[in-house]
Protein backbone atom coordinates (compact mmCIF):
# COMPACT_ATOMS: atom_id res chain seq x y z
CA MET A 1 23.59 12.98 20.67
CA ASN A 2 20.87 10.70 19.34
CA GLY A 3 17.28 11.93 19.32
CA PRO A 4 14.15 9.96 20.17
CA THR A 5 13.47 6.81 18.17
CA PRO A 6 10.90 7.38 15.38
CA PHE A 7 7.71 5.31 15.29
CA SER A 8 8.79 3.39 12.18
CA GLU A 9 11.94 2.23 13.96
CA ARG A 10 10.14 1.46 17.23
CA ILE A 11 7.58 -0.82 15.63
CA ASP A 12 10.21 -2.48 13.44
CA ALA A 13 12.34 -3.26 16.50
CA ILE A 14 9.34 -4.83 18.24
CA ARG A 15 8.46 -6.76 15.10
CA LYS A 16 11.92 -8.30 15.05
CA ASP A 17 12.04 -8.93 18.80
CA LYS A 18 8.67 -10.71 18.89
CA GLN A 19 8.99 -12.19 15.40
CA SER A 20 5.56 -10.80 14.68
CA ASN A 21 4.22 -8.26 12.23
CA LEU A 22 0.68 -8.60 13.59
CA VAL A 23 -1.29 -5.47 14.47
CA LEU A 24 -4.27 -6.47 16.60
CA ALA A 25 -7.32 -4.40 15.64
CA ILE A 26 -9.54 -3.91 18.67
CA ASP A 27 -12.92 -2.88 17.32
CA PRO A 28 -15.74 -4.41 19.38
CA ALA A 29 -19.41 -3.93 18.68
CA TYR A 30 -21.43 -0.98 19.98
CA ARG A 31 -22.14 -1.07 23.72
CA THR A 32 -19.66 -3.79 24.49
CA GLY A 33 -19.84 -4.07 28.27
CA GLU A 34 -16.94 -2.84 30.40
CA LEU A 35 -15.07 -1.57 27.36
CA LEU A 36 -11.89 -0.58 29.19
CA GLU A 37 -11.59 -3.98 30.86
CA TYR A 38 -12.32 -5.69 27.55
CA ILE A 39 -9.43 -3.87 25.86
CA LEU A 40 -7.03 -4.46 28.74
CA ASP A 41 -7.90 -8.17 28.81
CA LEU A 42 -7.15 -8.48 25.08
CA ILE A 43 -3.80 -6.75 25.53
CA ALA A 44 -2.91 -9.07 28.42
CA SER A 45 -3.96 -12.27 26.65
CA LEU A 46 -2.93 -11.53 23.06
CA GLY A 47 -0.31 -8.79 23.20
CA LYS A 48 2.72 -11.08 23.42
CA HIS A 49 2.12 -12.20 19.82
CA ALA A 50 1.62 -8.70 18.34
CA CYS A 51 3.84 -5.73 17.61
CA ALA A 52 1.02 -3.18 17.89
CA ILE A 53 -2.66 -2.67 18.57
CA LYS A 54 -5.02 -0.47 16.57
CA LEU A 55 -7.93 1.35 18.16
CA ASN A 56 -10.62 2.54 15.80
CA PHE A 57 -12.49 5.82 16.27
CA HIS A 58 -15.60 4.07 17.59
CA VAL A 59 -13.48 2.55 20.39
CA ILE A 60 -11.66 5.79 21.23
CA LEU A 61 -14.86 7.85 21.32
CA PRO A 62 -16.56 6.38 24.45
CA LEU A 63 -13.38 6.28 26.55
CA SER A 64 -12.08 9.15 28.65
CA ALA A 65 -8.62 10.64 28.26
CA ALA A 66 -7.58 8.97 31.51
CA GLU A 67 -8.84 5.58 30.29
CA LEU A 68 -7.00 5.94 26.98
CA LYS A 69 -3.81 6.85 28.83
CA LYS A 70 -4.28 3.67 30.86
CA VAL A 71 -4.73 1.56 27.71
CA ASN A 72 -1.64 3.04 26.09
CA SER A 73 0.45 2.68 29.24
CA VAL A 74 -0.49 -1.01 29.60
CA ALA A 75 0.16 -1.59 25.90
CA HIS A 76 3.62 -0.05 26.19
CA GLU A 77 4.38 -2.29 29.16
CA GLU A 78 3.54 -5.22 26.88
CA LYS A 79 5.96 -3.86 24.24
CA LEU A 80 3.20 -2.78 21.88
CA GLN A 81 2.86 0.35 19.79
CA VAL A 82 -0.62 1.87 19.66
CA VAL A 83 -2.21 3.26 16.49
CA ALA A 84 -5.18 5.64 16.55
CA ASP A 85 -7.30 4.77 13.53
CA ILE A 86 -9.35 7.94 13.17
CA LYS A 87 -8.61 8.56 9.46
CA LEU A 88 -7.81 12.18 10.23
CA ASN A 89 -9.04 14.43 7.43
CA ASP A 90 -9.35 18.17 8.10
CA ILE A 91 -7.57 21.50 7.73
CA PRO A 92 -4.03 21.69 9.16
CA SER A 93 -4.88 23.65 12.31
CA THR A 94 -7.65 21.20 13.25
CA ASN A 95 -5.47 18.20 12.46
CA GLU A 96 -2.72 19.55 14.69
CA VAL A 97 -5.07 19.89 17.66
CA ALA A 98 -6.29 16.30 17.15
CA ILE A 99 -2.72 15.01 16.86
CA GLN A 100 -1.71 16.90 20.01
CA HIS A 101 -4.59 15.37 22.01
CA LEU A 102 -3.85 11.84 20.80
CA HIS A 103 -0.14 12.22 21.48
CA SER A 104 -0.84 13.52 25.00
CA MET A 105 -2.83 10.34 25.68
CA GLY A 106 0.09 8.16 24.64
CA PHE A 107 -0.75 7.11 21.08
CA ASP A 108 2.28 6.25 18.97
CA ALA A 109 0.84 6.76 15.49
CA ILE A 110 -2.24 8.11 13.75
CA ILE A 111 -3.91 7.05 10.53
CA VAL A 112 -4.48 10.07 8.28
CA ASN A 113 -6.65 10.31 5.18
CA PRO A 114 -4.64 11.74 2.23
CA PHE A 115 -7.81 13.37 0.86
CA VAL A 116 -6.49 16.43 2.72
CA GLY A 117 -4.11 16.93 -0.22
CA LYS A 118 -0.34 16.87 -0.37
CA GLY A 119 0.10 20.12 1.55
CA GLY A 120 -2.30 19.07 4.28
CA LEU A 121 -0.69 15.65 4.56
CA LYS A 122 2.81 17.13 4.78
CA SER A 123 1.64 19.50 7.50
CA ALA A 124 0.20 16.61 9.52
CA VAL A 125 3.34 14.50 9.08
CA ASP A 126 5.69 17.32 10.06
CA PHE A 127 3.67 18.20 13.15
CA ALA A 128 3.28 14.58 14.25
CA HIS A 129 7.00 13.94 13.77
CA SER A 130 7.82 16.99 15.87
CA LEU A 131 6.07 15.13 18.71
CA ASN A 132 7.76 11.83 17.77
CA CYS A 133 4.39 10.47 16.68
CA GLY A 134 4.02 8.42 13.49
CA VAL A 135 1.64 8.92 10.57
CA ILE A 136 0.17 6.10 8.49
CA SER A 137 -1.59 7.20 5.32
CA LEU A 138 -4.79 5.57 4.06
CA VAL A 139 -4.04 4.66 0.43
CA TYR A 140 -6.57 1.90 -0.38
CA MET A 141 -9.21 0.54 1.97
CA SER A 142 -10.28 -3.10 2.11
CA HIS A 143 -14.07 -2.84 1.86
CA SER A 144 -15.90 -3.51 -1.42
CA GLY A 145 -16.84 0.13 -2.02
CA ALA A 146 -13.21 1.27 -2.08
CA THR A 147 -13.08 0.91 -5.86
CA GLU A 148 -15.55 3.80 -6.14
CA SER A 149 -13.23 6.21 -4.36
CA PHE A 150 -9.63 5.04 -3.97
CA GLY A 151 -9.76 3.32 -7.36
CA ALA A 152 -11.45 6.22 -9.16
CA PRO A 153 -9.62 7.73 -12.15
CA VAL A 154 -8.65 11.39 -11.78
CA VAL A 155 -6.40 13.88 -13.57
CA ALA A 156 -3.00 13.70 -11.92
CA ASP A 157 -0.56 16.48 -12.74
CA SER A 158 1.64 15.27 -9.88
CA LEU A 159 2.21 12.01 -11.78
CA ASN A 160 3.05 13.85 -15.01
CA SER A 161 -0.11 12.58 -16.67
CA SER A 162 -1.53 14.48 -19.57
CA PRO A 163 -4.92 16.16 -18.92
CA SER A 164 -6.54 13.50 -21.10
CA LYS A 165 -4.91 10.58 -19.26
CA PRO A 166 -6.26 10.15 -15.71
CA ALA A 167 -4.58 8.10 -13.00
CA SER A 168 -6.18 6.06 -10.23
CA LEU A 169 -6.57 8.08 -7.03
CA TYR A 170 -4.70 5.55 -4.91
CA ARG A 171 -1.58 6.08 -7.04
CA ILE A 172 -1.68 9.81 -6.28
CA PHE A 173 -2.24 9.06 -2.60
CA TYR A 174 0.73 6.69 -2.55
CA GLU A 175 3.12 9.09 -4.29
CA ASN A 176 2.01 12.01 -2.10
CA SER A 177 2.38 9.87 1.01
CA LYS A 178 5.88 8.78 0.04
CA ASP A 179 6.91 12.35 -0.78
CA CYS A 180 5.56 13.59 2.56
CA GLY A 181 7.60 11.08 4.55
CA VAL A 182 4.81 9.05 6.14
CA ASP A 183 5.73 6.09 8.34
CA GLY A 184 3.49 3.67 6.49
CA VAL A 185 0.52 3.30 4.17
CA VAL A 186 -2.67 1.30 4.52
CA VAL A 187 -3.52 -0.99 1.60
CA GLY A 188 -6.15 -3.70 1.94
CA GLY A 189 -4.71 -7.19 2.23
CA ASN A 190 -7.47 -8.38 -0.08
CA ARG A 191 -6.21 -6.05 -2.88
CA LEU A 192 -3.40 -8.28 -4.12
CA ASP A 193 -2.83 -6.55 -7.46
CA ILE A 194 -2.47 -3.17 -5.76
CA LEU A 195 -0.23 -4.62 -3.05
CA ARG A 196 2.07 -6.04 -5.72
CA GLU A 197 2.16 -2.76 -7.59
CA LEU A 198 2.90 -0.51 -4.63
CA SER A 199 5.32 -2.87 -2.89
CA GLN A 200 7.47 -2.90 -6.03
CA LYS A 201 7.69 0.89 -6.30
CA SER A 202 11.36 1.73 -6.55
CA SER A 203 12.68 4.16 -3.96
CA LYS A 204 15.61 4.51 -1.60
CA LYS A 205 13.39 3.29 1.23
CA ARG A 206 10.09 1.61 0.51
CA VAL A 207 7.14 2.78 2.58
CA PRO A 208 5.93 -0.02 4.91
CA ILE A 209 2.50 -1.37 3.99
CA TYR A 210 -0.13 -2.07 6.67
CA SER A 211 -2.88 -4.39 5.48
CA PRO A 212 -6.38 -4.85 6.93
CA GLY A 213 -9.14 -6.85 5.25
CA LEU A 214 -7.71 -10.24 6.16
CA ILE A 215 -9.71 -13.41 6.86
CA THR A 216 -13.06 -11.79 7.78
CA GLN A 217 -13.06 -9.66 4.61
CA GLY A 218 -11.61 -12.41 2.46
CA GLY A 219 -7.92 -11.57 2.46
CA ASP A 220 -5.46 -14.46 2.81
CA VAL A 221 -2.54 -13.91 5.17
CA LYS A 222 0.13 -15.70 3.14
CA SER A 223 -1.02 -14.15 -0.15
CA ALA A 224 -0.90 -10.66 1.35
CA LEU A 225 2.61 -11.26 2.69
CA ASP A 226 3.78 -12.68 -0.64
CA CYS A 227 2.38 -9.63 -2.43
CA GLY A 228 4.18 -7.13 -0.22
CA SER A 229 2.34 -6.48 3.04
CA ASP A 230 4.76 -5.62 5.85
CA TYR A 231 2.29 -5.46 8.76
CA LEU A 232 -0.96 -7.40 8.99
CA ILE A 233 -3.95 -5.81 10.70
CA ILE A 234 -6.23 -8.53 12.02
CA GLY A 235 -9.16 -8.00 14.38
CA ARG A 236 -12.52 -9.75 14.37
CA ALA A 237 -11.18 -13.05 13.03
CA ILE A 238 -9.28 -13.30 16.31
CA THR A 239 -11.22 -11.27 18.87
CA THR A 240 -14.66 -12.72 18.06
CA SER A 241 -13.48 -16.32 17.68
CA ALA A 242 -14.33 -19.06 20.16
CA ASN A 243 -10.74 -19.01 21.43
CA PRO A 244 -8.90 -15.73 20.67
CA ALA A 245 -5.66 -16.89 22.31
CA VAL A 246 -5.47 -19.96 20.05
CA GLU A 247 -6.31 -17.95 16.94
CA MET A 248 -3.68 -15.35 17.81
CA GLN A 249 -1.08 -18.07 18.34
CA ASN A 250 -2.01 -19.63 15.00
CA ALA A 251 -1.64 -16.28 13.25
CA HIS A 252 1.72 -15.74 14.90
CA ASN A 253 2.94 -19.16 13.85
CA LEU A 254 1.90 -18.35 10.30
CA VAL A 255 3.79 -15.05 10.05
CA LYS A 256 7.00 -15.92 11.94
CA GLU A 257 8.72 -17.31 8.85
CA TYR A 258 8.14 -14.00 7.03
CA VAL A 259 9.60 -11.79 9.74
CA GLY A 260 13.30 -11.28 9.15
CA GLY A 261 15.89 -10.48 11.74
């Protein structure tokens, strides 16, 4: 008897069905009026061209559990997966409580910060998977300051480096994430050299790459796809434009040729 379909397979099936690897990031400014209605309107008007939506922590925070359940229910009706972008980063017992709450509200996947270490990441992945919830690991952010943290050199016994030969932190995060069985990794779409490197990592099954940092932060959609991005996270370039529906359609037209059957 087959079990429930994992997140990675659910989002891939939607990607193929809609011919879209677009993840719509809904991250409006502080005190956006009628926040719930704003989110629901975006899902209704733009959801047909996306495979998922991503809600950042600052959007989740002001909404009630009932309102978040409503958002996730409507998103599922539109054949969208919903990702909670809270960059979870705590001890295992606290992470499990957070994952349980998010799952109970209908979220399909959670972005976790691998700063928790390999053991903490594995604990989060195993617990989330027991609920049929996905985990996406934050390997390299898209903002300019990411080089100071994710790009920092550190001693990396896990990569068989000698004590005198440090490795970049993002490489440790990627290897730990792969070993822990995450459903995807976040790598900025404006980090083309790192996208190329990680997308070419040999393994039985390459970890899907989710890329933010496009358009508004300088990343080019086609370049990111050519360098190995599997899912494109785009938000403000669409949602704050003069005509979000047209911009979403344009983005969809651009990515359709990259989405295989």
